[in-house]
Amino acid sequence: MADEQQQQQVQLRIDESKMVTTYANTIRTSTTTDEVVLDFGMNLPTAGPDGQPALLFSVGSRVVMNWSGAKRLAITLGQVIRQYEERNGEIVIQRGPEGGADAGTTPHLAD
């Protein structure tokens, strides 16, 4: 009888009525002792003040998570990427000039 109560199924309902879909080619992370902050946005090529090429990081969305949620996200993303690469081959992350990251990444910024 106790086993039956522990194995009850909970139905998950997903409400997408307030969802907004955006595209991001860049993510910036920052952290506190309690939270992980994820800023999603676009790296946009522009000219710097000296006329040299530069990138403008235009933040479109911010997601703040506790550390448990961030770990679940990391595990889930790892599984999704592994499945994709098993079907389609390795995802190659290109590097920009001087070994820096390409326009799709930004450095981790810790608070």
PDB file of N, CA and C in Angstrom:
ATOM      1  N   MET A   1       0.816  -1.191   0.000  1.00  0.00           N
ATOM      2  CA  MET A   1       0.000   0.000   0.000  1.00  0.00           C
ATOM      3  C   MET A   1       0.867   1.265   0.000  1.00  0.00           C
ATOM      4  N   ALA A   2       1.928   1.284   0.810  1.00  0.00           N
ATOM      5  CA  ALA A   2       2.819   2.441   0.872  1.00  0.00           C
ATOM      6  C   ALA A   2       3.526   2.656  -0.451  1.00  0.00           C
ATOM      7  N   ASP A   3       3.907   1.552  -1.151  1.00  0.00           N
ATOM      8  CA  ASP A   3       4.564   1.679  -2.457  1.00  0.00           C
ATOM      9  C   ASP A   3       3.651   2.332  -3.487  1.00  0.00           C
ATOM     10  N   GLU A   4       2.338   2.018  -3.414  1.00  0.00           N
ATOM     11  CA  GLU A   4       1.392   2.606  -4.358  1.00  0.00           C
ATOM     12  C   GLU A   4       1.310   4.120  -4.174  1.00  0.00           C
ATOM     13  N   GLN A   5       1.334   4.581  -2.928  1.00  0.00           N
ATOM     14  CA  GLN A   5       1.248   6.014  -2.667  1.00  0.00           C
ATOM     15  C   GLN A   5       2.503   6.740  -3.140  1.00  0.00           C
ATOM     16  N   GLN A   6       3.673   6.110  -3.004  1.00  0.00           N
ATOM     17  CA  GLN A   6       4.922   6.742  -3.417  1.00  0.00           C
ATOM     18  C   GLN A   6       5.050   6.813  -4.934  1.00  0.00           C
ATOM     19  N   GLN A   7       4.349   5.961  -5.674  1.00  0.00           N
ATOM     20  CA  GLN A   7       4.499   5.898  -7.122  1.00  0.00           C
ATOM     21  C   GLN A   7       3.402   6.650  -7.863  1.00  0.00           C
ATOM     22  N   GLN A   8       2.673   7.519  -7.196  1.00  0.00           N
ATOM     23  CA  GLN A   8       1.632   8.300  -7.855  1.00  0.00           C
ATOM     24  C   GLN A   8       2.264   9.212  -8.901  1.00  0.00           C
ATOM     25  N   GLN A   9       1.627   9.311 -10.038  1.00  0.00           N
ATOM     26  CA  GLN A   9       2.097  10.157 -11.120  1.00  0.00           C
ATOM     27  C   GLN A   9       1.527  11.570 -10.947  1.00  0.00           C
ATOM     28  N   VAL A  10       2.345  12.557 -11.232  1.00  0.00           N
ATOM     29  CA  VAL A  10       1.901  13.947 -11.219  1.00  0.00           C
ATOM     30  C   VAL A  10       1.873  14.413 -12.666  1.00  0.00           C
ATOM     31  N   GLN A  11       0.743  14.925 -13.089  1.00  0.00           N
ATOM     32  CA  GLN A  11       0.605  15.413 -14.460  1.00  0.00           C
ATOM     33  C   GLN A  11       1.206  16.812 -14.557  1.00  0.00           C
ATOM     34  N   LEU A  12       2.080  17.005 -15.532  1.00  0.00           N
ATOM     35  CA  LEU A  12       2.706  18.302 -15.763  1.00  0.00           C
ATOM     36  C   LEU A  12       1.958  19.021 -16.873  1.00  0.00           C
ATOM     37  N   ARG A  13       1.495  20.188 -16.573  1.00  0.00           N
ATOM     38  CA  ARG A  13       0.829  21.031 -17.585  1.00  0.00           C
ATOM     39  C   ARG A  13       1.729  22.219 -17.860  1.00  0.00           C
ATOM     40  N   ILE A  14       1.929  22.527 -19.106  1.00  0.00           N
ATOM     41  CA  ILE A  14       2.815  23.625 -19.500  1.00  0.00           C
ATOM     42  C   ILE A  14       1.981  24.758 -20.070  1.00  0.00           C
ATOM     43  N   ASP A  15       2.122  25.936 -19.485  1.00  0.00           N
ATOM     44  CA  ASP A  15       1.416  27.128 -19.938  1.00  0.00           C
ATOM     45  C   ASP A  15       2.387  27.991 -20.735  1.00  0.00           C
ATOM     46  N   GLU A  16       2.216  28.073 -22.033  1.00  0.00           N
ATOM     47  CA  GLU A  16       3.081  28.878 -22.896  1.00  0.00           C
ATOM     48  C   GLU A  16       2.420  30.180 -23.326  1.00  0.00           C
ATOM     49  N   SER A  17       1.322  30.552 -22.681  1.00  0.00           N
ATOM     50  CA  SER A  17       0.572  31.735 -23.107  1.00  0.00           C
ATOM     51  C   SER A  17       1.340  33.042 -22.916  1.00  0.00           C
ATOM     52  N   LYS A  18       2.289  33.094 -21.993  1.00  0.00           N
ATOM     53  CA  LYS A  18       3.061  34.317 -21.752  1.00  0.00           C
ATOM     54  C   LYS A  18       4.492  34.206 -22.261  1.00  0.00           C
ATOM     55  N   MET A  19       4.780  33.154 -22.989  1.00  0.00           N
ATOM     56  CA  MET A  19       6.138  32.906 -23.470  1.00  0.00           C
ATOM     57  C   MET A  19       6.521  33.886 -24.577  1.00  0.00           C
ATOM     58  N   VAL A  20       7.762  34.313 -24.550  1.00  0.00           N
ATOM     59  CA  VAL A  20       8.325  35.149 -25.598  1.00  0.00           C
ATOM     60  C   VAL A  20       9.556  34.421 -26.138  1.00  0.00           C
ATOM     61  N   THR A  21       9.650  34.298 -27.439  1.00  0.00           N
ATOM     62  CA  THR A  21      10.784  33.626 -28.062  1.00  0.00           C
ATOM     63  C   THR A  21      11.730  34.670 -28.631  1.00  0.00           C
ATOM     64  N   THR A  22      12.999  34.546 -28.293  1.00  0.00           N
ATOM     65  CA  THR A  22      14.020  35.436 -28.835  1.00  0.00           C
ATOM     66  C   THR A  22      15.210  34.595 -29.280  1.00  0.00           C
ATOM     67  N   TYR A  23      16.060  35.168 -30.096  1.00  0.00           N
ATOM     68  CA  TYR A  23      17.285  34.513 -30.542  1.00  0.00           C
ATOM     69  C   TYR A  23      18.469  35.175 -29.848  1.00  0.00           C
ATOM     70  N   ALA A  24      19.425  34.374 -29.436  1.00  0.00           N
ATOM     71  CA  ALA A  24      20.645  34.903 -28.821  1.00  0.00           C
ATOM     72  C   ALA A  24      21.836  34.171 -29.419  1.00  0.00           C
ATOM     73  N   ASN A  25      22.896  34.915 -29.729  1.00  0.00           N
ATOM     74  CA  ASN A  25      24.132  34.271 -30.172  1.00  0.00           C
ATOM     75  C   ASN A  25      25.234  34.424 -29.124  1.00  0.00           C
ATOM     76  N   THR A  26      24.855  34.990 -27.969  1.00  0.00           N
ATOM     77  CA  THR A  26      25.839  35.242 -26.921  1.00  0.00           C
ATOM     78  C   THR A  26      25.174  35.110 -25.557  1.00  0.00           C
ATOM     79  N   ILE A  27      25.955  34.650 -24.588  1.00  0.00           N
ATOM     80  CA  ILE A  27      25.487  34.620 -23.211  1.00  0.00           C
ATOM     81  C   ILE A  27      26.596  35.148 -22.309  1.00  0.00           C
ATOM     82  N   ARG A  28      26.204  35.967 -21.361  1.00  0.00           N
ATOM     83  CA  ARG A  28      27.137  36.464 -20.346  1.00  0.00           C
ATOM     84  C   ARG A  28      26.628  35.945 -19.010  1.00  0.00           C
ATOM     85  N   THR A  29      27.522  35.419 -18.197  1.00  0.00           N
ATOM     86  CA  THR A  29      27.124  34.908 -16.894  1.00  0.00           C
ATOM     87  C   THR A  29      27.763  35.728 -15.792  1.00  0.00           C
ATOM     88  N   SER A  30      27.023  35.896 -14.718  1.00  0.00           N
ATOM     89  CA  SER A  30      27.575  36.475 -13.500  1.00  0.00           C
ATOM     90  C   SER A  30      26.942  35.717 -12.337  1.00  0.00           C
ATOM     91  N   THR A  31      27.589  35.762 -11.194  1.00  0.00           N
ATOM     92  CA  THR A  31      27.134  34.952 -10.081  1.00  0.00           C
ATOM     93  C   THR A  31      27.149  35.733  -8.774  1.00  0.00           C
ATOM     94  N   THR A  32      26.316  35.265  -7.850  1.00  0.00           N
ATOM     95  CA  THR A  32      26.361  35.687  -6.459  1.00  0.00           C
ATOM     96  C   THR A  32      26.462  34.401  -5.636  1.00  0.00           C
ATOM     97  N   THR A  33      26.513  34.515  -4.347  1.00  0.00           N
ATOM     98  CA  THR A  33      26.569  33.300  -3.532  1.00  0.00           C
ATOM     99  C   THR A  33      25.275  32.506  -3.630  1.00  0.00           C
ATOM    100  N   ASP A  34      24.169  33.146  -3.991  1.00  0.00           N
ATOM    101  CA  ASP A  34      22.870  32.481  -4.047  1.00  0.00           C
ATOM    102  C   ASP A  34      22.364  32.203  -5.450  1.00  0.00           C
ATOM    103  N   GLU A  35      22.868  32.931  -6.454  1.00  0.00           N
ATOM    104  CA  GLU A  35      22.241  32.876  -7.777  1.00  0.00           C
ATOM    105  C   GLU A  35      23.253  32.910  -8.923  1.00  0.00           C
ATOM    106  N   VAL A  36      22.760  32.446 -10.064  1.00  0.00           N
ATOM    107  CA  VAL A  36      23.473  32.551 -11.326  1.00  0.00           C
ATOM    108  C   VAL A  36      22.623  33.460 -12.217  1.00  0.00           C
ATOM    109  N   VAL A  37      23.248  34.456 -12.807  1.00  0.00           N
ATOM    110  CA  VAL A  37      22.556  35.393 -13.690  1.00  0.00           C
ATOM    111  C   VAL A  37      23.032  35.123 -15.112  1.00  0.00           C
ATOM    112  N   LEU A  38      22.077  34.867 -16.011  1.00  0.00           N
ATOM    113  CA  LEU A  38      22.383  34.592 -17.414  1.00  0.00           C
ATOM    114  C   LEU A  38      21.797  35.713 -18.267  1.00  0.00           C
ATOM    115  N   ASP A  39      22.658  36.470 -18.926  1.00  0.00           N
ATOM    116  CA  ASP A  39      22.219  37.514 -19.856  1.00  0.00           C
ATOM    117  C   ASP A  39      22.364  36.969 -21.263  1.00  0.00           C
ATOM    118  N   PHE A  40      21.243  36.852 -21.984  1.00  0.00           N
ATOM    119  CA  PHE A  40      21.235  36.369 -23.352  1.00  0.00           C
ATOM    120  C   PHE A  40      21.097  37.561 -24.281  1.00  0.00           C
ATOM    121  N   GLY A  41      21.827  37.546 -25.384  1.00  0.00           N
ATOM    122  CA  GLY A  41      21.741  38.664 -26.303  1.00  0.00           C
ATOM    123  C   GLY A  41      22.467  38.410 -27.593  1.00  0.00           C
ATOM    124  N   MET A  42      22.747  39.494 -28.273  1.00  0.00           N
ATOM    125  CA  MET A  42      23.377  39.446 -29.591  1.00  0.00           C
ATOM    126  C   MET A  42      24.696  40.206 -29.564  1.00  0.00           C
ATOM    127  N   ASN A  43      25.724  39.573 -30.095  1.00  0.00           N
ATOM    128  CA  ASN A  43      26.958  40.288 -30.383  1.00  0.00           C
ATOM    129  C   ASN A  43      26.785  40.920 -31.749  1.00  0.00           C
ATOM    130  N   LEU A  44      26.895  42.214 -31.816  1.00  0.00           N
ATOM    131  CA  LEU A  44      26.702  42.944 -33.065  1.00  0.00           C
ATOM    132  C   LEU A  44      27.997  43.642 -33.452  1.00  0.00           C
ATOM    133  N   PRO A  45      28.480  43.391 -34.672  1.00  0.00           N
ATOM    134  CA  PRO A  45      29.701  44.066 -35.095  1.00  0.00           C
ATOM    135  C   PRO A  45      29.471  45.572 -35.213  1.00  0.00           C
ATOM    136  N   THR A  46      30.458  46.332 -34.779  1.00  0.00           N
ATOM    137  CA  THR A  46      30.380  47.785 -34.849  1.00  0.00           C
ATOM    138  C   THR A  46      31.805  48.325 -34.924  1.00  0.00           C
ATOM    139  N   ALA A  47      31.926  49.600 -35.098  1.00  0.00           N
ATOM    140  CA  ALA A  47      33.245  50.234 -35.092  1.00  0.00           C
ATOM    141  C   ALA A  47      33.488  50.848 -33.718  1.00  0.00           C
ATOM    142  N   GLY A  48      34.678  50.638 -33.185  1.00  0.00           N
ATOM    143  CA  GLY A  48      35.052  51.236 -31.914  1.00  0.00           C
ATOM    144  C   GLY A  48      35.386  52.706 -32.090  1.00  0.00           C
ATOM    145  N   PRO A  49      35.658  53.409 -30.982  1.00  0.00           N
ATOM    146  CA  PRO A  49      35.960  54.843 -31.051  1.00  0.00           C
ATOM    147  C   PRO A  49      37.189  55.147 -31.907  1.00  0.00           C
ATOM    148  N   ASP A  50      38.109  54.180 -31.990  1.00  0.00           N
ATOM    149  CA  ASP A  50      39.309  54.384 -32.787  1.00  0.00           C
ATOM    150  C   ASP A  50      39.150  53.885 -34.216  1.00  0.00           C
ATOM    151  N   GLY A  51      37.911  53.506 -34.584  1.00  0.00           N
ATOM    152  CA  GLY A  51      37.653  53.009 -35.930  1.00  0.00           C
ATOM    153  C   GLY A  51      37.944  51.529 -36.101  1.00  0.00           C
ATOM    154  N   GLN A  52      38.501  50.897 -35.078  1.00  0.00           N
ATOM    155  CA  GLN A  52      38.796  49.469 -35.136  1.00  0.00           C
ATOM    156  C   GLN A  52      37.501  48.670 -34.953  1.00  0.00           C
ATOM    157  N   PRO A  53      37.447  47.469 -35.538  1.00  0.00           N
ATOM    158  CA  PRO A  53      36.254  46.632 -35.365  1.00  0.00           C
ATOM    159  C   PRO A  53      36.031  46.312 -33.882  1.00  0.00           C
ATOM    160  N   ALA A  54      34.779  46.316 -33.473  1.00  0.00           N
ATOM    161  CA  ALA A  54      34.416  46.018 -32.102  1.00  0.00           C
ATOM    162  C   ALA A  54      33.097  45.263 -32.112  1.00  0.00           C
ATOM    163  N   LEU A  55      32.736  44.723 -30.983  1.00  0.00           N
ATOM    164  CA  LEU A  55      31.452  44.053 -30.832  1.00  0.00           C
ATOM    165  C   LEU A  55      30.633  44.773 -29.772  1.00  0.00           C
ATOM    166  N   LEU A  56      29.352  44.937 -30.045  1.00  0.00           N
ATOM    167  CA  LEU A  56      28.407  45.481 -29.081  1.00  0.00           C
ATOM    168  C   LEU A  56      27.558  44.323 -28.594  1.00  0.00           C
ATOM    169  N   PHE A  57      27.554  44.058 -27.288  1.00  0.00           N
ATOM    170  CA  PHE A  57      26.714  43.009 -26.722  1.00  0.00           C
ATOM    171  C   PHE A  57      25.386  43.623 -26.325  1.00  0.00           C
ATOM    172  N   SER A  58      24.346  43.328 -27.086  1.00  0.00           N
ATOM    173  CA  SER A  58      23.014  43.860 -26.836  1.00  0.00           C
ATOM    174  C   SER A  58      22.214  42.810 -26.074  1.00  0.00           C
ATOM    175  N   VAL A  59      21.969  43.054 -24.779  1.00  0.00           N
ATOM    176  CA  VAL A  59      21.267  42.093 -23.928  1.00  0.00           C
ATOM    177  C   VAL A  59      19.775  42.150 -24.231  1.00  0.00           C
ATOM    178  N   GLY A  60      19.209  40.974 -24.511  1.00  0.00           N
ATOM    179  CA  GLY A  60      17.782  40.899 -24.805  1.00  0.00           C
ATOM    180  C   GLY A  60      16.966  40.296 -23.679  1.00  0.00           C
ATOM    181  N   SER A  61      17.568  39.371 -22.932  1.00  0.00           N
ATOM    182  CA  SER A  61      16.852  38.692 -21.850  1.00  0.00           C
ATOM    183  C   SER A  61      17.814  38.374 -20.713  1.00  0.00           C
ATOM    184  N   ARG A  62      17.292  38.416 -19.509  1.00  0.00           N
ATOM    185  CA  ARG A  62      18.069  38.028 -18.328  1.00  0.00           C
ATOM    186  C   ARG A  62      17.281  36.951 -17.584  1.00  0.00           C
ATOM    187  N   VAL A  63      17.976  35.871 -17.253  1.00  0.00           N
ATOM    188  CA  VAL A  63      17.385  34.792 -16.460  1.00  0.00           C
ATOM    189  C   VAL A  63      18.216  34.656 -15.193  1.00  0.00           C
ATOM    190  N   VAL A  64      17.559  34.694 -14.039  1.00  0.00           N
ATOM    191  CA  VAL A  64      18.229  34.537 -12.760  1.00  0.00           C
ATOM    192  C   VAL A  64      17.769  33.204 -12.172  1.00  0.00           C
ATOM    193  N   MET A  65      18.737  32.371 -11.804  1.00  0.00           N
ATOM    194  CA  MET A  65      18.431  31.036 -11.281  1.00  0.00           C
ATOM    195  C   MET A  65      19.178  30.798  -9.985  1.00  0.00           C
ATOM    196  N   ASN A  66      18.614  29.929  -9.127  1.00  0.00           N
ATOM    197  CA  ASN A  66      19.391  29.490  -7.980  1.00  0.00           C
ATOM    198  C   ASN A  66      20.378  28.431  -8.480  1.00  0.00           C
ATOM    199  N   TRP A  67      21.329  28.055  -7.635  1.00  0.00           N
ATOM    200  CA  TRP A  67      22.391  27.144  -8.058  1.00  0.00           C
ATOM    201  C   TRP A  67      21.853  25.760  -8.411  1.00  0.00           C
ATOM    202  N   SER A  68      20.820  25.290  -7.718  1.00  0.00           N
ATOM    203  CA  SER A  68      20.236  23.983  -8.050  1.00  0.00           C
ATOM    204  C   SER A  68      19.619  23.996  -9.439  1.00  0.00           C
ATOM    205  N   GLY A  69      18.895  25.058  -9.746  1.00  0.00           N
ATOM    206  CA  GLY A  69      18.305  25.182 -11.077  1.00  0.00           C
ATOM    207  C   GLY A  69      19.371  25.279 -12.154  1.00  0.00           C
ATOM    208  N   ALA A  70      20.454  26.007 -11.864  1.00  0.00           N
ATOM    209  CA  ALA A  70      21.545  26.143 -12.831  1.00  0.00           C
ATOM    210  C   ALA A  70      22.205  24.787 -13.096  1.00  0.00           C
ATOM    211  N   LYS A  71      22.356  23.986 -12.045  1.00  0.00           N
ATOM    212  CA  LYS A  71      22.964  22.663 -12.232  1.00  0.00           C
ATOM    213  C   LYS A  71      22.049  21.766 -13.058  1.00  0.00           C
ATOM    214  N   ARG A  72      20.746  21.822 -12.801  1.00  0.00           N
ATOM    215  CA  ARG A  72      19.809  21.035 -13.616  1.00  0.00           C
ATOM    216  C   ARG A  72      19.861  21.483 -15.072  1.00  0.00           C
ATOM    217  N   LEU A  73      19.969  22.788 -15.303  1.00  0.00           N
ATOM    218  CA  LEU A  73      20.087  23.300 -16.664  1.00  0.00           C
ATOM    219  C   LEU A  73      21.356  22.778 -17.329  1.00  0.00           C
ATOM    220  N   ALA A  74      22.477  22.807 -16.620  1.00  0.00           N
ATOM    221  CA  ALA A  74      23.753  22.331 -17.171  1.00  0.00           C
ATOM    222  C   ALA A  74      23.667  20.850 -17.532  1.00  0.00           C
ATOM    223  N   ILE A  75      23.061  20.057 -16.674  1.00  0.00           N
ATOM    224  CA  ILE A  75      22.921  18.625 -16.958  1.00  0.00           C
ATOM    225  C   ILE A  75      22.042  18.407 -18.182  1.00  0.00           C
ATOM    226  N   THR A  76      20.922  19.106 -18.234  1.00  0.00           N
ATOM    227  CA  THR A  76      20.003  18.965 -19.365  1.00  0.00           C
ATOM    228  C   THR A  76      20.655  19.393 -20.668  1.00  0.00           C
ATOM    229  N   LEU A  77      21.355  20.531 -20.674  1.00  0.00           N
ATOM    230  CA  LEU A  77      22.040  20.984 -21.883  1.00  0.00           C
ATOM    231  C   LEU A  77      23.105  19.986 -22.319  1.00  0.00           C
ATOM    232  N   GLY A  78      23.838  19.423 -21.355  1.00  0.00           N
ATOM    233  CA  GLY A  78      24.836  18.412 -21.687  1.00  0.00           C
ATOM    234  C   GLY A  78      24.217  17.211 -22.375  1.00  0.00           C
ATOM    235  N   GLN A  79      23.064  16.759 -21.884  1.00  0.00           N
ATOM    236  CA  GLN A  79      22.380  15.622 -22.489  1.00  0.00           C
ATOM    237  C   GLN A  79      21.888  15.955 -23.897  1.00  0.00           C
ATOM    238  N   VAL A  80      21.297  17.135 -24.066  1.00  0.00           N
ATOM    239  CA  VAL A  80      20.777  17.545 -25.374  1.00  0.00           C
ATOM    240  C   VAL A  80      21.913  17.663 -26.386  1.00  0.00           C
ATOM    241  N   ILE A  81      23.028  18.255 -25.980  1.00  0.00           N
ATOM    242  CA  ILE A  81      24.173  18.416 -26.885  1.00  0.00           C
ATOM    243  C   ILE A  81      24.759  17.063 -27.240  1.00  0.00           C
ATOM    244  N   ARG A  82      24.901  16.173 -26.273  1.00  0.00           N
ATOM    245  CA  ARG A  82      25.429  14.835 -26.546  1.00  0.00           C
ATOM    246  C   ARG A  82      24.545  14.090 -27.558  1.00  0.00           C
ATOM    247  N   GLN A  83      23.221  14.168 -27.384  1.00  0.00           N
ATOM    248  CA  GLN A  83      22.301  13.519 -28.319  1.00  0.00           C
ATOM    249  C   GLN A  83      22.423  14.117 -29.718  1.00  0.00           C
ATOM    250  N   TYR A  84      22.512  15.442 -29.797  1.00  0.00           N
ATOM    251  CA  TYR A  84      22.655  16.105 -31.094  1.00  0.00           C
ATOM    252  C   TYR A  84      23.932  15.642 -31.790  1.00  0.00           C
ATOM    253  N   GLU A  85      25.048  15.640 -31.047  1.00  0.00           N
ATOM    254  CA  GLU A  85      26.330  15.268 -31.645  1.00  0.00           C
ATOM    255  C   GLU A  85      26.361  13.796 -32.037  1.00  0.00           C
ATOM    256  N   GLU A  86      25.657  12.942 -31.327  1.00  0.00           N
ATOM    257  CA  GLU A  86      25.579  11.535 -31.725  1.00  0.00           C
ATOM    258  C   GLU A  86      24.883  11.381 -33.064  1.00  0.00           C
ATOM    259  N   ARG A  87      23.896  12.212 -33.335  1.00  0.00           N
ATOM    260  CA  ARG A  87      23.155  12.153 -34.601  1.00  0.00           C
ATOM    261  C   ARG A  87      23.844  12.920 -35.729  1.00  0.00           C
ATOM    262  N   ASN A  88      24.500  14.041 -35.394  1.00  0.00           N
ATOM    263  CA  ASN A  88      24.960  14.975 -36.428  1.00  0.00           C
ATOM    264  C   ASN A  88      26.458  15.220 -36.455  1.00  0.00           C
ATOM    265  N   GLY A  89      27.209  14.678 -35.539  1.00  0.00           N
ATOM    266  CA  GLY A  89      28.645  14.938 -35.469  1.00  0.00           C
ATOM    267  C   GLY A  89      28.948  16.042 -34.483  1.00  0.00           C
ATOM    268  N   GLU A  90      30.230  16.173 -34.184  1.00  0.00           N
ATOM    269  CA  GLU A  90      30.678  17.127 -33.176  1.00  0.00           C
ATOM    270  C   GLU A  90      30.389  18.570 -33.572  1.00  0.00           C
ATOM    271  N   ILE A  91      29.950  19.345 -32.626  1.00  0.00           N
ATOM    272  CA  ILE A  91      29.770  20.786 -32.808  1.00  0.00           C
ATOM    273  C   ILE A  91      31.131  21.431 -32.597  1.00  0.00           C
ATOM    274  N   VAL A  92      31.606  22.144 -33.587  1.00  0.00           N
ATOM    275  CA  VAL A  92      32.917  22.778 -33.500  1.00  0.00           C
ATOM    276  C   VAL A  92      32.712  24.229 -33.080  1.00  0.00           C
ATOM    277  N   ILE A  93      33.369  24.618 -31.996  1.00  0.00           N
ATOM    278  CA  ILE A  93      33.324  26.007 -31.539  1.00  0.00           C
ATOM    279  C   ILE A  93      34.515  26.716 -32.149  1.00  0.00           C
ATOM    280  N   GLN A  94      34.242  27.668 -33.026  1.00  0.00           N
ATOM    281  CA  GLN A  94      35.314  28.380 -33.719  1.00  0.00           C
ATOM    282  C   GLN A  94      35.904  29.436 -32.800  1.00  0.00           C
ATOM    283  N   ARG A  95      37.183  29.681 -32.963  1.00  0.00           N
ATOM    284  CA  ARG A  95      37.884  30.705 -32.193  1.00  0.00           C
ATOM    285  C   ARG A  95      38.135  31.908 -33.066  1.00  0.00           C
ATOM    286  N   GLY A  96      38.049  33.079 -32.457  1.00  0.00           N
ATOM    287  CA  GLY A  96      38.311  34.319 -33.171  1.00  0.00           C
ATOM    288  C   GLY A  96      39.796  34.610 -33.211  1.00  0.00           C
ATOM    289  N   PRO A  97      40.165  35.814 -33.623  1.00  0.00           N
ATOM    290  CA  PRO A  97      41.570  36.202 -33.691  1.00  0.00           C
ATOM    291  C   PRO A  97      42.256  36.085 -32.331  1.00  0.00           C
ATOM    292  N   GLU A  98      43.515  35.761 -32.356  1.00  0.00           N
ATOM    293  CA  GLU A  98      44.358  35.678 -31.164  1.00  0.00           C
ATOM    294  C   GLU A  98      43.835  34.671 -30.149  1.00  0.00           C
ATOM    295  N   GLY A  99      43.145  33.621 -30.629  1.00  0.00           N
ATOM    296  CA  GLY A  99      42.691  32.557 -29.747  1.00  0.00           C
ATOM    297  C   GLY A  99      41.475  32.901 -28.916  1.00  0.00           C
ATOM    298  N   GLY A 100      40.904  34.091 -29.125  1.00  0.00           N
ATOM    299  CA  GLY A 100      39.727  34.475 -28.359  1.00  0.00           C
ATOM    300  C   GLY A 100      38.496  33.743 -28.849  1.00  0.00           C
ATOM    301  N   ALA A 101      37.452  33.834 -28.083  1.00  0.00           N
ATOM    302  CA  ALA A 101      36.207  33.174 -28.453  1.00  0.00           C
ATOM    303  C   ALA A 101      35.577  33.890 -29.643  1.00  0.00           C
ATOM    304  N   ASP A 102      34.756  33.148 -30.358  1.00  0.00           N
ATOM    305  CA  ASP A 102      34.064  33.743 -31.508  1.00  0.00           C
ATOM    306  C   ASP A 102      32.945  34.660 -31.020  1.00  0.00           C
ATOM    307  N   ALA A 103      32.168  35.195 -31.961  1.00  0.00           N
ATOM    308  CA  ALA A 103      31.123  36.143 -31.611  1.00  0.00           C
ATOM    309  C   ALA A 103      29.982  35.496 -30.829  1.00  0.00           C
ATOM    310  N   GLY A 104      29.988  34.179 -30.684  1.00  0.00           N
ATOM    311  CA  GLY A 104      28.903  33.508 -29.988  1.00  0.00           C
ATOM    312  C   GLY A 104      29.128  33.342 -28.502  1.00  0.00           C
ATOM    313  N   THR A 105      30.219  33.837 -27.971  1.00  0.00           N
ATOM    314  CA  THR A 105      30.465  33.664 -26.549  1.00  0.00           C
ATOM    315  C   THR A 105      31.033  34.937 -25.966  1.00  0.00           C
ATOM    316  N   THR A 106      30.843  35.092 -24.682  1.00  0.00           N
ATOM    317  CA  THR A 106      31.497  36.176 -23.955  1.00  0.00           C
ATOM    318  C   THR A 106      32.095  35.582 -22.706  1.00  0.00           C
ATOM    319  N   PRO A 107      33.046  36.238 -22.108  1.00  0.00           N
ATOM    320  CA  PRO A 107      33.680  35.680 -20.918  1.00  0.00           C
ATOM    321  C   PRO A 107      32.726  35.651 -19.734  1.00  0.00           C
ATOM    322  N   HIS A 108      33.005  34.769 -18.811  1.00  0.00           N
ATOM    323  CA  HIS A 108      32.266  34.679 -17.553  1.00  0.00           C
ATOM    324  C   HIS A 108      32.643  35.891 -16.698  1.00  0.00           C
ATOM    325  N   LEU A 109      31.660  36.569 -16.189  1.00  0.00           N
ATOM    326  CA  LEU A 109      31.897  37.712 -15.327  1.00  0.00           C
ATOM    327  C   LEU A 109      31.361  37.393 -13.940  1.00  0.00           C
ATOM    328  N   ALA A 110      32.207  37.283 -12.961  1.00  0.00           N
ATOM    329  CA  ALA A 110      31.776  36.945 -11.604  1.00  0.00           C
ATOM    330  C   ALA A 110      31.610  38.205 -10.767  1.00  0.00           C
ATOM    331  N   ASP A 111      30.576  38.220  -9.943  1.00  0.00           N
ATOM    332  CA  ASP A 111      30.364  39.347  -9.019  1.00  0.00           C
ATOM    333  C   ASP A 111      31.087  39.089  -7.727  1.00  0.00           C
TER     334      ASP A 111
END
